[in-house]
Amino acid sequence: MAVLETKEVFYSYAKENNILSDVNALFETGRMYAILGPSGSGKTTLLSLLGGLDSPTKGEILFNGENIAGRGLEYHRRHHVSLIFQSYNLIDYMTPVENVNLTAQQDALPVLKRLGLSAEEAKRNVLKLSGGQQQRVAIARTLASGAPFILADEPTGNLDEDTAAEITGILKESAYELDKCVIVVTHSSELAKQADIVLKLKRGKLLSVR
């Protein structure tokens, strides 16, 4: 049961303006977490710190009790976490198979098929796919990486209601059937209802909602 933890984490762009203040949280595999909060509350900043894209101004990000800065943030990103961005972050001149193979520790095509793409769609240029299909490619890239933690920034924000529900179901399945830890930053109350644990950022503090 891998654990990702924030310990007394502060983050600020200027000394007088803390975006995050004394954030303490623990995230375990096999569960889905939702982090809520208004725009500018620090949700994406927190996700970036958990993903090793940035370092806290003060405090520590720990993986299994070890500060991720010890082995380096690149090692943490490569082995422990995989990120899903709202903008998908796919390489636009590649196919889904090629995009997934960039980080895959397993054959890309079965993962893509499992997420609803046909063999023909998996070999198209990603720009010829719908937004929902592109998000599936981004999730497939995450699942194929083998990382125990999935960090998702507004994964359903650009999708229609039905596709958003399907993507939410895939994320839940990743937690329950693949024993991943799924941490989702979202404005969606519907997505948050599906999470096991709901947290909210307010004035830099991370509060438990459910």
Foldseek 3Di string as FASTA:
>chain_A
DKKKWWAQFWADPDPVATLAGGETDIFFFLFEEEEEEDPSSCLVVVLCCSLLVDDTPDTAIDINRHGCPVVHSVVCNQAAEAEAELVLPFDQQAFLQVRLVVQAPDRLVVLLVVLPDDPVNRHDRLVPDDPLSSLSSSVSSGVRNPHQEYEYEASCVVDDPVSSVSVLVVQNCCRNVVRHYYYYYHNDPVSNVPGPWYWYRDSNYIGTDD
